[in-house]
PDB file of N, CA and C in Angstrom:
ATOM      1  N   MET A   1      -2.086 -51.591 -54.546  1.00  0.00           N
ATOM      2  CA  MET A   1      -1.960 -51.384 -53.308  1.00  0.00           C
ATOM      3  C   MET A   1      -2.072 -52.465 -52.257  1.00  0.00           C
ATOM      4  N   LYS A   2      -3.187 -53.556 -52.213  1.00  0.00           N
ATOM      5  CA  LYS A   2      -3.548 -54.142 -51.587  1.00  0.00           C
ATOM      6  C   LYS A   2      -2.166 -55.301 -51.182  1.00  0.00           C
ATOM      7  N   GLU A   3      -1.311 -55.722 -51.625  1.00  0.00           N
ATOM      8  CA  GLU A   3      -0.098 -56.615 -52.016  1.00  0.00           C
ATOM      9  C   GLU A   3       0.375 -55.762 -51.189  1.00  0.00           C
ATOM     10  N   ALA A   4       1.187 -54.623 -50.992  1.00  0.00           N
ATOM     11  CA  ALA A   4       2.120 -53.914 -50.214  1.00  0.00           C
ATOM     12  C   ALA A   4       1.139 -53.330 -48.572  1.00  0.00           C
ATOM     13  N   ASP A   5       0.299 -53.682 -48.674  1.00  0.00           N
ATOM     14  CA  ASP A   5      -0.488 -53.515 -47.309  1.00  0.00           C
ATOM     15  C   ASP A   5       0.030 -54.565 -46.810  1.00  0.00           C
ATOM     16  N   ASN A   6      -0.219 -55.415 -47.032  1.00  0.00           N
ATOM     17  CA  ASN A   6       0.295 -57.140 -46.766  1.00  0.00           C
ATOM     18  C   ASN A   6       1.001 -57.430 -46.039  1.00  0.00           C
ATOM     19  N   PHE A   7       2.257 -56.656 -47.088  1.00  0.00           N
ATOM     20  CA  PHE A   7       3.489 -57.153 -46.486  1.00  0.00           C
ATOM     21  C   PHE A   7       3.977 -55.595 -45.190  1.00  0.00           C
ATOM     22  N   PHE A   8       3.193 -54.731 -45.509  1.00  0.00           N
ATOM     23  CA  PHE A   8       3.477 -53.725 -44.500  1.00  0.00           C
ATOM     24  C   PHE A   8       3.063 -54.548 -43.153  1.00  0.00           C
ATOM     25  N   ASP A   9       1.935 -55.215 -43.044  1.00  0.00           N
ATOM     26  CA  ASP A   9       1.349 -55.866 -41.766  1.00  0.00           C
ATOM     27  C   ASP A   9       2.386 -57.011 -41.473  1.00  0.00           C
ATOM     28  N   LYS A  10       2.838 -57.741 -42.124  1.00  0.00           N
ATOM     29  CA  LYS A  10       3.955 -58.691 -41.997  1.00  0.00           C
ATOM     30  C   LYS A  10       5.468 -58.001 -41.345  1.00  0.00           C
ATOM     31  N   VAL A  11       5.559 -56.651 -41.813  1.00  0.00           N
ATOM     32  CA  VAL A  11       6.492 -56.452 -41.241  1.00  0.00           C
ATOM     33  C   VAL A  11       6.450 -55.721 -40.196  1.00  0.00           C
ATOM     34  N   TYR A  12       5.362 -55.093 -39.914  1.00  0.00           N
ATOM     35  CA  TYR A  12       4.801 -54.397 -38.091  1.00  0.00           C
ATOM     36  C   TYR A  12       4.761 -55.727 -37.406  1.00  0.00           C
ATOM     37  N   THR A  13       4.396 -56.691 -37.508  1.00  0.00           N
ATOM     38  CA  THR A  13       3.949 -58.025 -36.752  1.00  0.00           C
ATOM     39  C   THR A  13       5.753 -58.449 -36.326  1.00  0.00           C
ATOM     40  N   THR A  14       6.409 -58.576 -37.505  1.00  0.00           N
ATOM     41  CA  THR A  14       7.686 -58.888 -36.919  1.00  0.00           C
ATOM     42  C   THR A  14       8.449 -57.474 -36.215  1.00  0.00           C
ATOM     43  N   ALA A  15       8.519 -56.688 -36.652  1.00  0.00           N
ATOM     44  CA  ALA A  15       8.982 -55.151 -35.949  1.00  0.00           C
ATOM     45  C   ALA A  15       8.316 -55.730 -34.189  1.00  0.00           C
ATOM     46  N   ARG A  16       7.171 -56.173 -33.899  1.00  0.00           N
ATOM     47  CA  ARG A  16       6.659 -55.968 -32.804  1.00  0.00           C
ATOM     48  C   ARG A  16       7.244 -57.154 -32.172  1.00  0.00           C
ATOM     49  N   LEU A  17       8.216 -58.026 -32.870  1.00  0.00           N
ATOM     50  CA  LEU A  17       8.500 -58.987 -31.784  1.00  0.00           C
ATOM     51  C   LEU A  17      10.290 -58.673 -31.424  1.00  0.00           C
ATOM     52  N   ILE A  18      10.835 -57.638 -32.249  1.00  0.00           N
ATOM     53  CA  ILE A  18      11.996 -57.410 -31.248  1.00  0.00           C
ATOM     54  C   ILE A  18      11.924 -57.160 -30.344  1.00  0.00           C
ATOM     55  N   PRO A  19      12.557 -57.749 -29.454  1.00  0.00           N
ATOM     56  CA  PRO A  19      13.190 -57.821 -27.730  1.00  0.00           C
ATOM     57  C   PRO A  19      13.321 -56.289 -27.449  1.00  0.00           C
ATOM     58  N   PHE A  20      13.187 -56.030 -26.312  1.00  0.00           N
ATOM     59  CA  PHE A  20      13.207 -55.078 -25.471  1.00  0.00           C
ATOM     60  C   PHE A  20      15.188 -54.248 -25.756  1.00  0.00           C
ATOM     61  N   GLY A  21      15.520 -53.601 -25.766  1.00  0.00           N
ATOM     62  CA  GLY A  21      17.089 -53.821 -25.764  1.00  0.00           C
ATOM     63  C   GLY A  21      17.816 -54.026 -26.907  1.00  0.00           C
ATOM     64  N   SER A  22      17.153 -54.594 -27.935  1.00  0.00           N
ATOM     65  CA  SER A  22      17.673 -54.883 -29.048  1.00  0.00           C
ATOM     66  C   SER A  22      17.068 -54.454 -30.387  1.00  0.00           C
ATOM     67  N   VAL A  23      18.422 -54.152 -31.594  1.00  0.00           N
ATOM     68  CA  VAL A  23      17.460 -53.594 -32.815  1.00  0.00           C
ATOM     69  C   VAL A  23      17.781 -55.009 -33.980  1.00  0.00           C
ATOM     70  N   THR A  24      17.139 -54.420 -34.990  1.00  0.00           N
ATOM     71  CA  THR A  24      17.449 -55.241 -36.374  1.00  0.00           C
ATOM     72  C   THR A  24      17.691 -54.059 -37.570  1.00  0.00           C
ATOM     73  N   SER A  25      17.630 -55.089 -38.581  1.00  0.00           N
ATOM     74  CA  SER A  25      17.665 -54.090 -39.897  1.00  0.00           C
ATOM     75  C   SER A  25      16.929 -54.060 -40.607  1.00  0.00           C
ATOM     76  N   TYR A  26      16.383 -52.930 -41.816  1.00  0.00           N
ATOM     77  CA  TYR A  26      15.162 -53.152 -42.707  1.00  0.00           C
ATOM     78  C   TYR A  26      15.741 -54.656 -43.593  1.00  0.00           C
ATOM     79  N   GLY A  27      17.061 -55.003 -43.788  1.00  0.00           N
ATOM     80  CA  GLY A  27      17.023 -56.122 -44.971  1.00  0.00           C
ATOM     81  C   GLY A  27      16.856 -57.297 -44.385  1.00  0.00           C
ATOM     82  N   ALA A  28      17.385 -57.215 -42.646  1.00  0.00           N
ATOM     83  CA  ALA A  28      17.247 -58.851 -42.135  1.00  0.00           C
ATOM     84  C   ALA A  28      15.253 -59.071 -42.177  1.00  0.00           C
ATOM     85  N   ILE A  29      14.982 -58.328 -41.599  1.00  0.00           N
ATOM     86  CA  ILE A  29      13.319 -58.135 -41.883  1.00  0.00           C
ATOM     87  C   ILE A  29      12.402 -58.404 -43.089  1.00  0.00           C
ATOM     88  N   ALA A  30      13.151 -57.688 -44.319  1.00  0.00           N
ATOM     89  CA  ALA A  30      12.847 -58.218 -45.391  1.00  0.00           C
ATOM     90  C   ALA A  30      13.227 -59.585 -45.976  1.00  0.00           C
ATOM     91  N   THR A  31      14.637 -59.801 -45.485  1.00  0.00           N
ATOM     92  CA  THR A  31      15.384 -61.270 -45.163  1.00  0.00           C
ATOM     93  C   THR A  31      13.987 -62.529 -45.123  1.00  0.00           C
ATOM     94  N   TYR A  32      13.984 -61.838 -43.759  1.00  0.00           N
ATOM     95  CA  TYR A  32      12.826 -62.859 -42.723  1.00  0.00           C
ATOM     96  C   TYR A  32      11.612 -63.249 -43.809  1.00  0.00           C
ATOM     97  N   LEU A  33      11.185 -62.144 -44.259  1.00  0.00           N
ATOM     98  CA  LEU A  33       9.832 -62.139 -44.903  1.00  0.00           C
ATOM     99  C   LEU A  33       9.768 -62.841 -46.139  1.00  0.00           C
ATOM    100  N   GLY A  34      10.967 -63.008 -46.698  1.00  0.00           N
ATOM    101  CA  GLY A  34      11.391 -63.704 -47.897  1.00  0.00           C
ATOM    102  C   GLY A  34      10.914 -63.069 -49.269  1.00  0.00           C
ATOM    103  N   ALA A  35      11.535 -61.635 -48.746  1.00  0.00           N
ATOM    104  CA  ALA A  35      11.923 -60.679 -49.732  1.00  0.00           C
ATOM    105  C   ALA A  35      13.301 -59.771 -49.390  1.00  0.00           C
ATOM    106  N   ALA A  36      14.359 -60.543 -49.911  1.00  0.00           N
ATOM    107  CA  ALA A  36      15.509 -60.105 -49.323  1.00  0.00           C
ATOM    108  C   ALA A  36      15.981 -58.717 -50.356  1.00  0.00           C
ATOM    109  N   LYS A  37      15.549 -58.075 -51.263  1.00  0.00           N
ATOM    110  CA  LYS A  37      15.288 -57.166 -51.912  1.00  0.00           C
ATOM    111  C   LYS A  37      14.764 -56.055 -51.644  1.00  0.00           C
ATOM    112  N   SER A  38      13.716 -56.101 -50.568  1.00  0.00           N
ATOM    113  CA  SER A  38      13.110 -55.455 -50.295  1.00  0.00           C
ATOM    114  C   SER A  38      13.402 -54.545 -48.799  1.00  0.00           C
ATOM    115  N   ALA A  39      14.621 -54.280 -48.582  1.00  0.00           N
ATOM    116  CA  ALA A  39      15.046 -53.266 -47.189  1.00  0.00           C
ATOM    117  C   ALA A  39      14.385 -51.934 -47.630  1.00  0.00           C
ATOM    118  N   ARG A  40      14.370 -51.233 -48.682  1.00  0.00           N
ATOM    119  CA  ARG A  40      13.713 -49.721 -48.770  1.00  0.00           C
ATOM    120  C   ARG A  40      12.117 -50.087 -48.876  1.00  0.00           C
ATOM    121  N   MET A  41      11.366 -50.893 -49.128  1.00  0.00           N
ATOM    122  CA  MET A  41      10.203 -51.475 -48.597  1.00  0.00           C
ATOM    123  C   MET A  41       9.603 -51.339 -47.160  1.00  0.00           C
ATOM    124  N   VAL A  42      10.491 -52.575 -46.571  1.00  0.00           N
ATOM    125  CA  VAL A  42      10.253 -52.396 -45.069  1.00  0.00           C
ATOM    126  C   VAL A  42      10.744 -50.769 -44.230  1.00  0.00           C
ATOM    127  N   GLY A  43      11.809 -50.026 -44.870  1.00  0.00           N
ATOM    128  CA  GLY A  43      11.906 -48.661 -44.582  1.00  0.00           C
ATOM    129  C   GLY A  43      10.306 -47.886 -44.746  1.00  0.00           C
ATOM    130  N   TRP A  44      10.000 -47.948 -46.146  1.00  0.00           N
ATOM    131  CA  TRP A  44       8.503 -47.395 -46.164  1.00  0.00           C
ATOM    132  C   TRP A  44       7.698 -47.922 -45.047  1.00  0.00           C
ATOM    133  N   ALA A  45       7.703 -48.916 -44.566  1.00  0.00           N
ATOM    134  CA  ALA A  45       6.493 -49.354 -44.052  1.00  0.00           C
ATOM    135  C   ALA A  45       7.316 -48.964 -42.336  1.00  0.00           C
ATOM    136  N   MET A  46       8.115 -48.817 -41.818  1.00  0.00           N
ATOM    137  CA  MET A  46       8.453 -48.465 -40.734  1.00  0.00           C
ATOM    138  C   MET A  46       8.121 -46.722 -40.851  1.00  0.00           C
ATOM    139  N   ASN A  47       8.206 -46.146 -41.891  1.00  0.00           N
ATOM    140  CA  ASN A  47       7.959 -44.310 -41.998  1.00  0.00           C
ATOM    141  C   ASN A  47       6.346 -44.345 -42.087  1.00  0.00           C
ATOM    142  N   ASN A  48       5.648 -45.366 -42.255  1.00  0.00           N
ATOM    143  CA  ASN A  48       4.165 -45.695 -42.257  1.00  0.00           C
ATOM    144  C   ASN A  48       3.503 -46.068 -40.719  1.00  0.00           C
ATOM    145  N   SER A  49       4.532 -46.548 -40.090  1.00  0.00           N
ATOM    146  CA  SER A  49       4.035 -47.250 -38.724  1.00  0.00           C
ATOM    147  C   SER A  49       3.405 -46.475 -37.635  1.00  0.00           C
ATOM    148  N   HIS A  50       3.422 -45.269 -37.533  1.00  0.00           N
ATOM    149  CA  HIS A  50       2.891 -44.129 -36.729  1.00  0.00           C
ATOM    150  C   HIS A  50       1.442 -44.464 -36.843  1.00  0.00           C
ATOM    151  N   GLN A  51       0.691 -44.514 -38.009  1.00  0.00           N
ATOM    152  CA  GLN A  51      -0.133 -44.982 -38.588  1.00  0.00           C
ATOM    153  C   GLN A  51      -1.290 -46.210 -37.648  1.00  0.00           C
ATOM    154  N   GLN A  52       0.182 -46.842 -37.457  1.00  0.00           N
ATOM    155  CA  GLN A  52      -1.015 -48.032 -36.960  1.00  0.00           C
ATOM    156  C   GLN A  52      -1.907 -47.616 -35.333  1.00  0.00           C
ATOM    157  N   THR A  53      -3.001 -48.585 -35.116  1.00  0.00           N
ATOM    158  CA  THR A  53      -3.416 -48.061 -33.786  1.00  0.00           C
ATOM    159  C   THR A  53      -2.733 -49.265 -33.115  1.00  0.00           C
ATOM    160  N   GLU A  54      -1.798 -50.818 -33.605  1.00  0.00           N
ATOM    161  CA  GLU A  54      -1.015 -50.716 -32.060  1.00  0.00           C
ATOM    162  C   GLU A  54       0.358 -50.377 -32.124  1.00  0.00           C
ATOM    163  N   GLU A  55       1.169 -50.393 -31.492  1.00  0.00           N
ATOM    164  CA  GLU A  55       2.224 -49.677 -31.558  1.00  0.00           C
ATOM    165  C   GLU A  55       3.388 -50.530 -32.172  1.00  0.00           C
ATOM    166  N   VAL A  56       4.471 -50.057 -33.102  1.00  0.00           N
ATOM    167  CA  VAL A  56       5.264 -50.705 -33.785  1.00  0.00           C
ATOM    168  C   VAL A  56       6.191 -50.018 -33.223  1.00  0.00           C
ATOM    169  N   PRO A  57       7.407 -50.383 -32.726  1.00  0.00           N
ATOM    170  CA  PRO A  57       8.680 -49.915 -32.310  1.00  0.00           C
ATOM    171  C   PRO A  57       9.717 -49.635 -33.423  1.00  0.00           C
ATOM    172  N   ALA A  58       9.147 -48.699 -34.449  1.00  0.00           N
ATOM    173  CA  ALA A  58       9.948 -48.479 -35.243  1.00  0.00           C
ATOM    174  C   ALA A  58      11.311 -48.133 -35.170  1.00  0.00           C
ATOM    175  N   HIS A  59      11.815 -47.173 -33.810  1.00  0.00           N
ATOM    176  CA  HIS A  59      12.897 -46.900 -33.342  1.00  0.00           C
ATOM    177  C   HIS A  59      14.219 -47.983 -33.521  1.00  0.00           C
ATOM    178  N   ARG A  60      13.678 -49.220 -33.318  1.00  0.00           N
ATOM    179  CA  ARG A  60      14.156 -50.527 -33.162  1.00  0.00           C
ATOM    180  C   ARG A  60      15.188 -51.107 -34.329  1.00  0.00           C
ATOM    181  N   VAL A  61      14.451 -50.380 -35.586  1.00  0.00           N
ATOM    182  CA  VAL A  61      14.870 -51.122 -37.054  1.00  0.00           C
ATOM    183  C   VAL A  61      16.021 -49.770 -37.605  1.00  0.00           C
ATOM    184  N   VAL A  62      16.789 -50.521 -38.071  1.00  0.00           N
ATOM    185  CA  VAL A  62      18.485 -49.456 -38.494  1.00  0.00           C
ATOM    186  C   VAL A  62      18.620 -49.814 -39.855  1.00  0.00           C
ATOM    187  N   ASN A  63      19.567 -49.245 -40.474  1.00  0.00           N
ATOM    188  CA  ASN A  63      20.550 -50.046 -41.525  1.00  0.00           C
ATOM    189  C   ASN A  63      21.117 -50.736 -41.211  1.00  0.00           C
ATOM    190  N   ARG A  64      21.868 -51.588 -42.448  1.00  0.00           N
ATOM    191  CA  ARG A  64      22.530 -52.928 -42.171  1.00  0.00           C
ATOM    192  C   ARG A  64      23.823 -52.287 -41.260  1.00  0.00           C
ATOM    193  N   LYS A  65      23.883 -51.054 -40.764  1.00  0.00           N
ATOM    194  CA  LYS A  65      25.649 -50.647 -40.719  1.00  0.00           C
ATOM    195  C   LYS A  65      25.166 -49.988 -39.169  1.00  0.00           C
ATOM    196  N   GLY A  66      24.296 -50.141 -38.578  1.00  0.00           N
ATOM    197  CA  GLY A  66      23.680 -49.808 -37.061  1.00  0.00           C
ATOM    198  C   GLY A  66      23.337 -48.244 -37.275  1.00  0.00           C
ATOM    199  N   LEU A  67      23.116 -47.531 -38.750  1.00  0.00           N
ATOM    200  CA  LEU A  67      22.973 -45.888 -38.595  1.00  0.00           C
ATOM    201  C   LEU A  67      21.656 -45.531 -38.120  1.00  0.00           C
ATOM    202  N   LEU A  68      21.342 -44.727 -37.569  1.00  0.00           N
ATOM    203  CA  LEU A  68      19.763 -44.663 -37.628  1.00  0.00           C
ATOM    204  C   LEU A  68      19.597 -43.337 -39.169  1.00  0.00           C
ATOM    205  N   THR A  69      19.283 -44.555 -39.612  1.00  0.00           N
ATOM    206  CA  THR A  69      19.002 -43.468 -40.912  1.00  0.00           C
ATOM    207  C   THR A  69      17.456 -42.901 -40.948  1.00  0.00           C
ATOM    208  N   GLY A  70      16.512 -43.353 -40.120  1.00  0.00           N
ATOM    209  CA  GLY A  70      15.166 -43.233 -40.422  1.00  0.00           C
ATOM    210  C   GLY A  70      14.498 -42.224 -39.182  1.00  0.00           C
ATOM    211  N   LYS A  71      15.660 -41.624 -38.291  1.00  0.00           N
ATOM    212  CA  LYS A  71      15.602 -40.775 -37.458  1.00  0.00           C
ATOM    213  C   LYS A  71      14.413 -39.804 -38.138  1.00  0.00           C
ATOM    214  N   HIS A  72      14.627 -39.028 -38.854  1.00  0.00           N
ATOM    215  CA  HIS A  72      14.431 -38.031 -39.326  1.00  0.00           C
ATOM    216  C   HIS A  72      12.934 -38.306 -39.374  1.00  0.00           C
ATOM    217  N   HIS A  73      11.722 -39.753 -39.537  1.00  0.00           N
ATOM    218  CA  HIS A  73      10.880 -39.539 -39.434  1.00  0.00           C
ATOM    219  C   HIS A  73      10.009 -39.775 -38.263  1.00  0.00           C
ATOM    220  N   PHE A  74      11.160 -39.576 -37.192  1.00  0.00           N
ATOM    221  CA  PHE A  74      10.504 -39.327 -35.564  1.00  0.00           C
ATOM    222  C   PHE A  74      10.090 -37.640 -35.143  1.00  0.00           C
ATOM    223  N   ALA A  75       9.137 -37.605 -34.440  1.00  0.00           N
ATOM    224  CA  ALA A  75       9.111 -36.183 -33.975  1.00  0.00           C
ATOM    225  C   ALA A  75      10.200 -35.928 -33.051  1.00  0.00           C
ATOM    226  N   GLY A  76      10.563 -34.752 -32.863  1.00  0.00           N
ATOM    227  CA  GLY A  76      11.888 -34.168 -32.593  1.00  0.00           C
ATOM    228  C   GLY A  76      13.310 -34.438 -32.518  1.00  0.00           C
ATOM    229  N   THR A  77      14.461 -33.645 -32.921  1.00  0.00           N
ATOM    230  CA  THR A  77      15.556 -33.742 -33.118  1.00  0.00           C
ATOM    231  C   THR A  77      16.237 -35.127 -33.115  1.00  0.00           C
ATOM    232  N   ASN A  78      15.647 -35.292 -31.895  1.00  0.00           N
ATOM    233  CA  ASN A  78      17.048 -37.061 -31.358  1.00  0.00           C
ATOM    234  C   ASN A  78      15.853 -37.880 -30.862  1.00  0.00           C
ATOM    235  N   LEU A  79      14.786 -38.048 -31.202  1.00  0.00           N
ATOM    236  CA  LEU A  79      13.970 -38.865 -30.432  1.00  0.00           C
ATOM    237  C   LEU A  79      14.125 -40.567 -30.673  1.00  0.00           C
ATOM    238  N   MET A  80      14.656 -40.871 -32.023  1.00  0.00           N
ATOM    239  CA  MET A  80      14.779 -42.112 -31.891  1.00  0.00           C
ATOM    240  C   MET A  80      15.912 -42.618 -31.306  1.00  0.00           C
ATOM    241  N   GLN A  81      17.377 -41.445 -31.154  1.00  0.00           N
ATOM    242  CA  GLN A  81      18.368 -41.802 -30.246  1.00  0.00           C
ATOM    243  C   GLN A  81      17.837 -41.656 -28.777  1.00  0.00           C
ATOM    244  N   GLN A  82      16.876 -41.325 -28.238  1.00  0.00           N
ATOM    245  CA  GLN A  82      16.284 -40.980 -26.850  1.00  0.00           C
ATOM    246  C   GLN A  82      15.663 -42.360 -26.786  1.00  0.00           C
ATOM    247  N   LEU A  83      15.176 -42.816 -27.691  1.00  0.00           N
ATOM    248  CA  LEU A  83      14.231 -44.299 -27.812  1.00  0.00           C
ATOM    249  C   LEU A  83      14.964 -45.101 -26.914  1.00  0.00           C
ATOM    250  N   LEU A  84      15.920 -44.941 -27.857  1.00  0.00           N
ATOM    251  CA  LEU A  84      17.039 -46.525 -28.150  1.00  0.00           C
ATOM    252  C   LEU A  84      17.628 -46.367 -26.806  1.00  0.00           C
ATOM    253  N   GLU A  85      18.511 -45.272 -26.122  1.00  0.00           N
ATOM    254  CA  GLU A  85      19.079 -44.936 -24.967  1.00  0.00           C
ATOM    255  C   GLU A  85      18.213 -45.450 -23.729  1.00  0.00           C
ATOM    256  N   ASN A  86      16.718 -45.229 -24.171  1.00  0.00           N
ATOM    257  CA  ASN A  86      16.430 -45.496 -22.903  1.00  0.00           C
ATOM    258  C   ASN A  86      15.717 -47.275 -22.579  1.00  0.00           C
ATOM    259  N   GLU A  87      16.550 -47.903 -23.628  1.00  0.00           N
ATOM    260  CA  GLU A  87      16.402 -49.359 -24.057  1.00  0.00           C
ATOM    261  C   GLU A  87      17.580 -49.348 -23.663  1.00  0.00           C
ATOM    262  N   GLY A  88      18.412 -48.746 -22.956  1.00  0.00           N
ATOM    263  CA  GLY A  88      20.067 -49.105 -22.412  1.00  0.00           C
ATOM    264  C   GLY A  88      21.023 -49.161 -23.780  1.00  0.00           C
ATOM    265  N   ILE A  89      20.496 -48.897 -25.406  1.00  0.00           N
ATOM    266  CA  ILE A  89      20.927 -49.133 -26.455  1.00  0.00           C
ATOM    267  C   ILE A  89      22.476 -47.484 -26.767  1.00  0.00           C
ATOM    268  N   VAL A  90      23.973 -47.574 -26.340  1.00  0.00           N
ATOM    269  CA  VAL A  90      24.494 -46.342 -26.891  1.00  0.00           C
ATOM    270  C   VAL A  90      24.713 -46.056 -28.408  1.00  0.00           C
ATOM    271  N   VAL A  91      24.128 -45.166 -28.395  1.00  0.00           N
ATOM    272  CA  VAL A  91      24.030 -44.408 -29.367  1.00  0.00           C
ATOM    273  C   VAL A  91      25.028 -43.313 -29.431  1.00  0.00           C
ATOM    274  N   ILE A  92      26.144 -43.251 -30.659  1.00  0.00           N
ATOM    275  CA  ILE A  92      27.182 -41.846 -30.765  1.00  0.00           C
ATOM    276  C   ILE A  92      26.987 -41.576 -32.221  1.00  0.00           C
ATOM    277  N   GLU A  93      26.858 -40.352 -32.634  1.00  0.00           N
ATOM    278  CA  GLU A  93      26.946 -39.556 -33.882  1.00  0.00           C
ATOM    279  C   GLU A  93      25.808 -40.805 -34.672  1.00  0.00           C
ATOM    280  N   ASN A  94      24.912 -40.585 -34.183  1.00  0.00           N
ATOM    281  CA  ASN A  94      23.674 -41.567 -35.128  1.00  0.00           C
ATOM    282  C   ASN A  94      24.047 -42.997 -35.341  1.00  0.00           C
ATOM    283  N   GLN A  95      24.919 -43.546 -34.929  1.00  0.00           N
ATOM    284  CA  GLN A  95      25.799 -44.772 -34.858  1.00  0.00           C
ATOM    285  C   GLN A  95      25.412 -45.859 -33.666  1.00  0.00           C
ATOM    286  N   ILE A  96      24.716 -46.980 -33.790  1.00  0.00           N
ATOM    287  CA  ILE A  96      24.418 -47.658 -32.545  1.00  0.00           C
ATOM    288  C   ILE A  96      26.105 -48.482 -32.123  1.00  0.00           C
ATOM    289  N   GLN A  97      26.473 -48.199 -31.084  1.00  0.00           N
ATOM    290  CA  GLN A  97      27.532 -49.184 -30.437  1.00  0.00           C
ATOM    291  C   GLN A  97      26.932 -50.318 -30.006  1.00  0.00           C
ATOM    292  N   ASP A  98      28.397 -51.045 -30.312  1.00  0.00           N
ATOM    293  CA  ASP A  98      28.551 -52.663 -30.294  1.00  0.00           C
ATOM    294  C   ASP A  98      27.082 -53.585 -30.893  1.00  0.00           C
ATOM    295  N   PHE A  99      27.089 -53.068 -31.986  1.00  0.00           N
ATOM    296  CA  PHE A  99      25.707 -53.521 -32.795  1.00  0.00           C
ATOM    297  C   PHE A  99      25.446 -54.847 -32.905  1.00  0.00           C
ATOM    298  N   GLU A 100      27.061 -55.612 -33.263  1.00  0.00           N
ATOM    299  CA  GLU A 100      26.544 -57.015 -32.867  1.00  0.00           C
ATOM    300  C   GLU A 100      26.026 -57.507 -31.648  1.00  0.00           C
ATOM    301  N   ARG A 101      26.306 -56.870 -30.688  1.00  0.00           N
ATOM    302  CA  ARG A 101      25.607 -57.451 -29.639  1.00  0.00           C
ATOM    303  C   ARG A 101      24.650 -57.142 -29.103  1.00  0.00           C
ATOM    304  N   VAL A 102      23.971 -56.399 -29.857  1.00  0.00           N
ATOM    305  CA  VAL A 102      22.298 -55.277 -29.808  1.00  0.00           C
ATOM    306  C   VAL A 102      21.412 -56.462 -30.889  1.00  0.00           C
ATOM    307  N   PHE A 103      22.250 -56.656 -32.049  1.00  0.00           N
ATOM    308  CA  PHE A 103      21.445 -56.869 -33.388  1.00  0.00           C
ATOM    309  C   PHE A 103      20.589 -58.341 -32.647  1.00  0.00           C
ATOM    310  N   TRP A 104      19.353 -58.438 -33.667  1.00  0.00           N
ATOM    311  CA  TRP A 104      18.312 -59.345 -33.278  1.00  0.00           C
ATOM    312  C   TRP A 104      18.413 -59.565 -35.048  1.00  0.00           C
ATOM    313  N   ASP A 105      18.462 -61.048 -35.331  1.00  0.00           N
ATOM    314  CA  ASP A 105      17.869 -61.172 -36.608  1.00  0.00           C
ATOM    315  C   ASP A 105      16.854 -61.999 -36.527  1.00  0.00           C
ATOM    316  N   PRO A 106      15.927 -61.588 -36.901  1.00  0.00           N
ATOM    317  CA  PRO A 106      14.483 -62.385 -36.733  1.00  0.00           C
ATOM    318  C   PRO A 106      14.321 -63.998 -37.681  1.00  0.00           C
ATOM    319  N   THR A 107      15.366 -64.225 -38.939  1.00  0.00           N
ATOM    320  CA  THR A 107      15.956 -65.413 -39.611  1.00  0.00           C
ATOM    321  C   THR A 107      16.308 -66.521 -38.346  1.00  0.00           C
ATOM    322  N   GLU A 108      17.194 -65.587 -37.532  1.00  0.00           N
ATOM    323  CA  GLU A 108      17.583 -66.991 -36.196  1.00  0.00           C
ATOM    324  C   GLU A 108      16.835 -67.374 -35.534  1.00  0.00           C
ATOM    325  N   GLU A 109      16.294 -65.635 -34.769  1.00  0.00           N
ATOM    326  CA  GLU A 109      15.340 -65.963 -33.482  1.00  0.00           C
ATOM    327  C   GLU A 109      13.993 -66.956 -34.028  1.00  0.00           C
ATOM    328  N   LEU A 110      13.470 -66.163 -35.075  1.00  0.00           N
ATOM    329  CA  LEU A 110      11.557 -66.805 -35.260  1.00  0.00           C
ATOM    330  C   LEU A 110      11.645 -68.232 -36.094  1.00  0.00           C
ATOM    331  N   THR A 111      12.940 -68.643 -36.777  1.00  0.00           N
ATOM    332  CA  THR A 111      12.653 -69.754 -37.384  1.00  0.00           C
ATOM    333  C   THR A 111      13.433 -70.981 -36.878  1.00  0.00           C
TER     334      THR A 111
END
């Protein structure tokens, strides 16, 4: 599990760089980390992010279409949506509005 732990740490480091008011996708993080087919592993990392001592803004990571697919991993029915809305992101029926405008691509922004 050591290799997976190292990958998860890289995911958390990347997620912490997502700017306030922006979102990215599981796949965008996986691609940035050189593991383009590992979007699901990024999702698993986000599911475990609440166990980190340093906060991970997991609410800013959504699926490639801007859907809040991970929302059931947050306490409360709409916590993920509320956290995003607190950052000025509009969410209607679990779908981020103006997704292209608020999307942050780590491959473009960090390389």
